[in-house]
Amino acid sequence: MSEVNIKVSDLKVLIDALDTGEVSMSDILSFIKEKSRERKVNIDEIVLKVDYARSVLEMIIAGNYDLKHKDITEESFPLENDLLHDERSVAVKFFYFNRNISSGDVIFEMNKAGYRPAVLSELLGLGELYPDLQKKFPIVALGSSWCDKLGFNYVPVLNFINNNRKLDLEWFKGVWFDYYRFLAVRK
C-alpha cells in the first residue's frame, strides 16, 4: 500500500463538511473508492510495445540505467531470428512465489500458466517504460542467458543497488530469493 500524506487542516475541513451536512459519509466513501481505482497499478499484466529492431545498446541507452554489467552486449545476447526487425505488443506478467525457488521451477510454473520466460529485449522494454519498478523488487528475464568462459549461465536482471538502477547478470542455476519477480510473456 502506498503512503498518503494528509494534512490535519484537510481533515478538519472534511469533518466540518460532515457536521454541516455538505457531504455525507457515503459521498466520502465513494470518493475514496474512485480515487483508489485511479491510483491502482496492475503489475499482474502489462502490455508492452517492444521494438526488437533496436540493438541491445540502443535499448540500454533508452532505459537510462545507472550501472550495467559489462557482458550485456549484442554479442552475448543476440535476438532470436523470429524476433529480429519486428515491433510487437506483448502481454507480460510478473511471477512471484514468496519463497526461494529454482529457475527450472519458475519456468515450469510459467509454462503451466501459458507464459514463456521474457527475453532481454522485453526486460529492457519494461525497464524503459517503468523505470521505478526495479526499485521495488529485482526483475529477472529467464528467457535469455549468457555462458561465461567457465561454462556458467547467467540471466539479465533489473535491480536497484545503492540508489542505482542496475542492469545486471545473475547465475541461472542459483536459488532465487523470495523477493525476486520473474518477467513472463503470454504465449
C-alpha atoms as a PDB file:
ATOM      1  CA  MET A   1       0.000   0.000   0.000  1.00  0.00           C
ATOM      2  CA  SER A   2       1.418   3.391  -0.893  1.00  0.00           C
ATOM      3  CA  GLU A   3       1.880   6.110   1.663  1.00  0.00           C
ATOM      4  CA  VAL A   4      -0.581   9.002   1.628  1.00  0.00           C
ATOM      5  CA  ASN A   5       0.163  12.342   3.262  1.00  0.00           C
ATOM      6  CA  ILE A   6      -2.922  14.065   4.656  1.00  0.00           C
ATOM      7  CA  LYS A   7      -2.721  17.389   6.454  1.00  0.00           C
ATOM      8  CA  VAL A   8      -4.593  17.860   9.729  1.00  0.00           C
ATOM      9  CA  SER A   9      -6.161  21.016   8.286  1.00  0.00           C
ATOM     10  CA  ASP A  10      -7.650  18.928   5.428  1.00  0.00           C
ATOM     11  CA  LEU A  11      -9.154  16.527   7.951  1.00  0.00           C
ATOM     12  CA  LYS A  12     -10.693  19.431   9.864  1.00  0.00           C
ATOM     13  CA  VAL A  13     -12.320  20.743   6.663  1.00  0.00           C
ATOM     14  CA  LEU A  14     -13.682  17.282   5.942  1.00  0.00           C
ATOM     15  CA  ILE A  15     -15.092  16.866   9.475  1.00  0.00           C
ATOM     16  CA  ASP A  16     -16.689  20.329   9.316  1.00  0.00           C
ATOM     17  CA  ALA A  17     -18.289  19.440   5.949  1.00  0.00           C
ATOM     18  CA  LEU A  18     -19.685  16.249   7.518  1.00  0.00           C
ATOM     19  CA  ASP A  19     -21.018  18.202  10.528  1.00  0.00           C
ATOM     20  CA  THR A  20     -22.764  20.808   8.369  1.00  0.00           C
ATOM     21  CA  GLY A  21     -24.222  18.199   6.024  1.00  0.00           C
ATOM     22  CA  GLU A  22     -22.359  19.491   2.948  1.00  0.00           C
ATOM     23  CA  VAL A  23     -21.140  15.937   2.310  1.00  0.00           C
ATOM     24  CA  SER A  24     -22.270  12.565   3.574  1.00  0.00           C
ATOM     25  CA  MET A  25     -20.173   9.633   4.708  1.00  0.00           C
ATOM     26  CA  SER A  26     -21.448   7.829   1.626  1.00  0.00           C
ATOM     27  CA  ASP A  27     -20.066  10.645  -0.595  1.00  0.00           C
ATOM     28  CA  ILE A  28     -16.690  10.389   1.113  1.00  0.00           C
ATOM     29  CA  LEU A  29     -16.521   6.600   0.753  1.00  0.00           C
ATOM     30  CA  SER A  30     -17.493   6.824  -2.927  1.00  0.00           C
ATOM     31  CA  PHE A  31     -14.787   9.424  -3.496  1.00  0.00           C
ATOM     32  CA  ILE A  32     -12.173   7.267  -1.753  1.00  0.00           C
ATOM     33  CA  LYS A  33     -13.151   4.171  -3.762  1.00  0.00           C
ATOM     34  CA  GLU A  34     -12.964   6.092  -7.039  1.00  0.00           C
ATOM     35  CA  LYS A  35      -9.539   7.553  -6.199  1.00  0.00           C
ATOM     36  CA  SER A  36      -8.179   4.142  -5.181  1.00  0.00           C
ATOM     37  CA  ARG A  37      -9.287   2.692  -8.548  1.00  0.00           C
ATOM     38  CA  GLU A  38      -7.496   5.510 -10.387  1.00  0.00           C
ATOM     39  CA  ARG A  39      -4.243   5.011  -8.449  1.00  0.00           C
ATOM     40  CA  LYS A  40      -4.022   1.217  -8.728  1.00  0.00           C
ATOM     41  CA  VAL A  41      -1.186  -0.069 -10.858  1.00  0.00           C
ATOM     42  CA  ASN A  42      -1.786  -3.559 -12.142  1.00  0.00           C
ATOM     43  CA  ILE A  43       1.572  -5.275 -12.108  1.00  0.00           C
ATOM     44  CA  ASP A  44      -0.058  -8.636 -12.794  1.00  0.00           C
ATOM     45  CA  GLU A  45      -0.198  -7.970 -16.530  1.00  0.00           C
ATOM     46  CA  ILE A  46       1.149  -5.110 -18.613  1.00  0.00           C
ATOM     47  CA  VAL A  47       1.031  -4.654 -22.373  1.00  0.00           C
ATOM     48  CA  LEU A  48       4.464  -3.598 -23.621  1.00  0.00           C
ATOM     49  CA  LYS A  49       5.349  -2.374 -27.065  1.00  0.00           C
ATOM     50  CA  VAL A  50       8.783  -3.873 -27.709  1.00  0.00           C
ATOM     51  CA  ASP A  51      10.925  -2.733 -30.626  1.00  0.00           C
ATOM     52  CA  TYR A  52      13.030  -5.801 -31.382  1.00  0.00           C
ATOM     53  CA  ALA A  53      14.647  -3.922 -34.281  1.00  0.00           C
ATOM     54  CA  ARG A  54      16.680  -1.809 -31.856  1.00  0.00           C
ATOM     55  CA  SER A  55      20.107  -3.004 -30.822  1.00  0.00           C
ATOM     56  CA  VAL A  56      20.824  -4.055 -27.244  1.00  0.00           C
ATOM     57  CA  LEU A  57      22.930  -0.904 -26.831  1.00  0.00           C
ATOM     58  CA  GLU A  58      20.080   1.326 -28.074  1.00  0.00           C
ATOM     59  CA  MET A  59      17.680  -0.308 -25.615  1.00  0.00           C
ATOM     60  CA  ILE A  60      20.139   0.075 -22.736  1.00  0.00           C
ATOM     61  CA  ILE A  61      20.667   3.758 -23.543  1.00  0.00           C
ATOM     62  CA  ALA A  62      16.896   4.307 -23.768  1.00  0.00           C
ATOM     63  CA  GLY A  63      16.488   2.681 -20.341  1.00  0.00           C
ATOM     64  CA  ASN A  64      18.914   5.173 -18.792  1.00  0.00           C
ATOM     65  CA  TYR A  65      20.453   2.712 -16.295  1.00  0.00           C
ATOM     66  CA  ASP A  66      22.958   3.978 -13.763  1.00  0.00           C
ATOM     67  CA  LEU A  67      25.041   0.794 -13.924  1.00  0.00           C
ATOM     68  CA  LYS A  68      25.324  -2.020 -16.478  1.00  0.00           C
ATOM     69  CA  HIS A  69      27.130  -5.354 -16.393  1.00  0.00           C
ATOM     70  CA  LYS A  70      29.933  -5.276 -18.974  1.00  0.00           C
ATOM     71  CA  ASP A  71      28.873  -8.574 -20.551  1.00  0.00           C
ATOM     72  CA  ILE A  72      25.382  -7.437 -21.511  1.00  0.00           C
ATOM     73  CA  THR A  73      26.087  -6.822 -25.170  1.00  0.00           C
ATOM     74  CA  GLU A  74      24.659  -7.652 -28.610  1.00  0.00           C
ATOM     75  CA  GLU A  75      27.251 -10.425 -28.953  1.00  0.00           C
ATOM     76  CA  SER A  76      26.338 -12.025 -25.615  1.00  0.00           C
ATOM     77  CA  PHE A  77      22.573 -11.687 -26.084  1.00  0.00           C
ATOM     78  CA  PRO A  78      21.691 -11.935 -29.790  1.00  0.00           C
ATOM     79  CA  LEU A  79      17.991 -11.809 -30.669  1.00  0.00           C
ATOM     80  CA  GLU A  80      16.288 -14.931 -31.929  1.00  0.00           C
ATOM     81  CA  ASN A  81      15.708 -14.829 -35.703  1.00  0.00           C
ATOM     82  CA  ASP A  82      11.904 -14.783 -35.391  1.00  0.00           C
ATOM     83  CA  LEU A  83      12.069 -11.554 -33.357  1.00  0.00           C
ATOM     84  CA  LEU A  84      14.576  -9.609 -35.457  1.00  0.00           C
ATOM     85  CA  HIS A  85      13.391  -6.388 -37.121  1.00  0.00           C
ATOM     86  CA  ASP A  86       9.941  -6.561 -35.623  1.00  0.00           C
ATOM     87  CA  GLU A  87       7.948  -4.307 -33.321  1.00  0.00           C
ATOM     88  CA  ARG A  88       5.263  -6.050 -31.286  1.00  0.00           C
ATOM     89  CA  SER A  89       2.916  -5.546 -28.401  1.00  0.00           C
ATOM     90  CA  VAL A  90       3.321  -8.297 -25.841  1.00  0.00           C
ATOM     91  CA  ALA A  91       1.370  -9.053 -22.677  1.00  0.00           C
ATOM     92  CA  VAL A  92       3.809  -9.540 -19.820  1.00  0.00           C
ATOM     93  CA  LYS A  93       3.209 -10.730 -16.298  1.00  0.00           C
ATOM     94  CA  PHE A  94       5.242 -10.959 -13.119  1.00  0.00           C
ATOM     95  CA  PHE A  95       5.550 -14.336 -11.492  1.00  0.00           C
ATOM     96  CA  TYR A  96       6.142 -14.078  -7.763  1.00  0.00           C
ATOM     97  CA  PHE A  97       6.348 -17.049  -5.418  1.00  0.00           C
ATOM     98  CA  ASN A  98       7.039 -15.525  -1.971  1.00  0.00           C
ATOM     99  CA  ARG A  99       9.608 -18.273  -1.364  1.00  0.00           C
ATOM    100  CA  ASN A 100      13.052 -19.267  -2.561  1.00  0.00           C
ATOM    101  CA  ILE A 101      12.808 -21.067  -5.905  1.00  0.00           C
ATOM    102  CA  SER A 102      14.965 -22.501  -8.701  1.00  0.00           C
ATOM    103  CA  SER A 103      14.960 -21.238 -12.295  1.00  0.00           C
ATOM    104  CA  GLY A 104      13.621 -24.580 -13.510  1.00  0.00           C
ATOM    105  CA  ASP A 105      10.647 -24.411 -11.142  1.00  0.00           C
ATOM    106  CA  VAL A 106       9.874 -20.841 -12.232  1.00  0.00           C
ATOM    107  CA  ILE A 107       9.902 -21.810 -15.920  1.00  0.00           C
ATOM    108  CA  PHE A 108       7.724 -24.854 -15.196  1.00  0.00           C
ATOM    109  CA  GLU A 109       5.113 -22.639 -13.455  1.00  0.00           C
ATOM    110  CA  MET A 110       5.215 -20.106 -16.303  1.00  0.00           C
ATOM    111  CA  ASN A 111       4.619 -22.803 -18.936  1.00  0.00           C
ATOM    112  CA  LYS A 112       1.792 -24.298 -16.881  1.00  0.00           C
ATOM    113  CA  ALA A 113       0.099 -20.862 -16.801  1.00  0.00           C
ATOM    114  CA  GLY A 114       0.514 -20.277 -20.576  1.00  0.00           C
ATOM    115  CA  TYR A 115       3.557 -17.975 -20.415  1.00  0.00           C
ATOM    116  CA  ARG A 116       7.178 -18.140 -21.523  1.00  0.00           C
ATOM    117  CA  PRO A 117      10.172 -16.510 -19.803  1.00  0.00           C
ATOM    118  CA  ALA A 118      10.873 -12.975 -21.057  1.00  0.00           C
ATOM    119  CA  VAL A 119      13.988 -12.287 -23.115  1.00  0.00           C
ATOM    120  CA  LEU A 120      16.415  -9.394 -22.652  1.00  0.00           C
ATOM    121  CA  SER A 121      14.596  -7.107 -25.139  1.00  0.00           C
ATOM    122  CA  GLU A 122      11.358  -7.443 -23.194  1.00  0.00           C
ATOM    123  CA  LEU A 123      13.103  -6.813 -19.880  1.00  0.00           C
ATOM    124  CA  LEU A 124      14.739  -3.697 -21.330  1.00  0.00           C
ATOM    125  CA  GLY A 125      11.393  -2.539 -22.737  1.00  0.00           C
ATOM    126  CA  LEU A 126       9.884  -2.865 -19.261  1.00  0.00           C
ATOM    127  CA  GLY A 127      12.810  -1.005 -17.685  1.00  0.00           C
ATOM    128  CA  GLU A 128      12.458   1.835 -20.172  1.00  0.00           C
ATOM    129  CA  LEU A 129       8.707   2.273 -19.702  1.00  0.00           C
ATOM    130  CA  TYR A 130       8.563   1.596 -15.947  1.00  0.00           C
ATOM    131  CA  PRO A 131      11.929   2.663 -14.512  1.00  0.00           C
ATOM    132  CA  ASP A 132      10.725   2.736 -10.906  1.00  0.00           C
ATOM    133  CA  LEU A 133       9.547  -0.888 -10.806  1.00  0.00           C
ATOM    134  CA  GLN A 134      13.043  -2.256 -10.280  1.00  0.00           C
ATOM    135  CA  LYS A 135      13.358  -0.012  -7.214  1.00  0.00           C
ATOM    136  CA  LYS A 136      10.617  -2.118  -5.583  1.00  0.00           C
ATOM    137  CA  PHE A 137      11.977  -5.580  -6.421  1.00  0.00           C
ATOM    138  CA  PRO A 138      14.548  -7.238  -8.711  1.00  0.00           C
ATOM    139  CA  ILE A 139      13.098  -8.407 -12.050  1.00  0.00           C
ATOM    140  CA  VAL A 140      14.551 -11.429 -13.869  1.00  0.00           C
ATOM    141  CA  ALA A 141      14.342 -12.453 -17.556  1.00  0.00           C
ATOM    142  CA  LEU A 142      14.964 -16.205 -17.627  1.00  0.00           C
ATOM    143  CA  GLY A 143      14.440 -16.392 -21.425  1.00  0.00           C
ATOM    144  CA  SER A 144      17.901 -15.016 -22.276  1.00  0.00           C
ATOM    145  CA  SER A 145      21.131 -16.432 -20.954  1.00  0.00           C
ATOM    146  CA  TRP A 146      24.843 -15.918 -21.430  1.00  0.00           C
ATOM    147  CA  CYS A 147      27.543 -18.511 -20.771  1.00  0.00           C
ATOM    148  CA  ASP A 148      30.856 -17.304 -19.341  1.00  0.00           C
ATOM    149  CA  LYS A 149      34.310 -18.829 -20.043  1.00  0.00           C
ATOM    150  CA  LEU A 150      33.887 -21.277 -17.165  1.00  0.00           C
ATOM    151  CA  GLY A 151      30.578 -22.602 -18.505  1.00  0.00           C
ATOM    152  CA  PHE A 152      28.259 -20.873 -16.024  1.00  0.00           C
ATOM    153  CA  ASN A 153      24.979 -19.485 -17.384  1.00  0.00           C
ATOM    154  CA  TYR A 154      23.773 -16.029 -16.339  1.00  0.00           C
ATOM    155  CA  VAL A 155      20.492 -14.220 -16.957  1.00  0.00           C
ATOM    156  CA  PRO A 156      19.705 -10.472 -17.063  1.00  0.00           C
ATOM    157  CA  VAL A 157      18.190  -8.826 -14.000  1.00  0.00           C
ATOM    158  CA  LEU A 158      16.920  -5.304 -13.339  1.00  0.00           C
ATOM    159  CA  ASN A 159      17.969  -4.399  -9.828  1.00  0.00           C
ATOM    160  CA  PHE A 160      18.288  -1.390  -7.532  1.00  0.00           C
ATOM    161  CA  ILE A 161      21.538  -1.284  -5.569  1.00  0.00           C
ATOM    162  CA  ASN A 162      22.917   1.656  -3.546  1.00  0.00           C
ATOM    163  CA  ASN A 163      20.352   4.035  -5.104  1.00  0.00           C
ATOM    164  CA  ASN A 164      21.375   2.964  -8.608  1.00  0.00           C
ATOM    165  CA  ARG A 165      19.204   1.333 -11.252  1.00  0.00           C
ATOM    166  CA  LYS A 166      21.335  -1.555 -12.398  1.00  0.00           C
ATOM    167  CA  LEU A 167      21.125  -3.870 -15.388  1.00  0.00           C
ATOM    168  CA  ASP A 168      22.952  -6.911 -14.067  1.00  0.00           C
ATOM    169  CA  LEU A 169      23.605 -10.609 -14.603  1.00  0.00           C
ATOM    170  CA  GLU A 170      22.892 -13.316 -12.042  1.00  0.00           C
ATOM    171  CA  TRP A 171      23.546 -17.036 -12.015  1.00  0.00           C
ATOM    172  CA  PHE A 172      20.815 -19.086 -13.725  1.00  0.00           C
ATOM    173  CA  LYS A 173      21.363 -22.228 -11.631  1.00  0.00           C
ATOM    174  CA  GLY A 174      21.249 -20.438  -8.295  1.00  0.00           C
ATOM    175  CA  VAL A 175      18.296 -20.303  -5.960  1.00  0.00           C
ATOM    176  CA  TRP A 176      16.297 -17.088  -6.289  1.00  0.00           C
ATOM    177  CA  PHE A 177      15.337 -15.469  -3.001  1.00  0.00           C
ATOM    178  CA  ASP A 178      11.697 -14.866  -2.166  1.00  0.00           C
ATOM    179  CA  TYR A 179      11.691 -11.182  -3.164  1.00  0.00           C
ATOM    180  CA  TYR A 180      12.559 -11.718  -6.867  1.00  0.00           C
ATOM    181  CA  ARG A 181       9.953 -11.257  -9.612  1.00  0.00           C
ATOM    182  CA  PHE A 182      10.180 -13.093 -12.933  1.00  0.00           C
ATOM    183  CA  LEU A 183       9.001 -11.433 -16.131  1.00  0.00           C
ATOM    184  CA  ALA A 184       6.998 -13.661 -18.467  1.00  0.00           C
ATOM    185  CA  VAL A 185       5.266 -13.185 -21.829  1.00  0.00           C
ATOM    186  CA  ARG A 186       1.898 -14.682 -22.685  1.00  0.00           C
ATOM    187  CA  LYS A 187       2.300 -17.380 -25.371  1.00  0.00           C
END
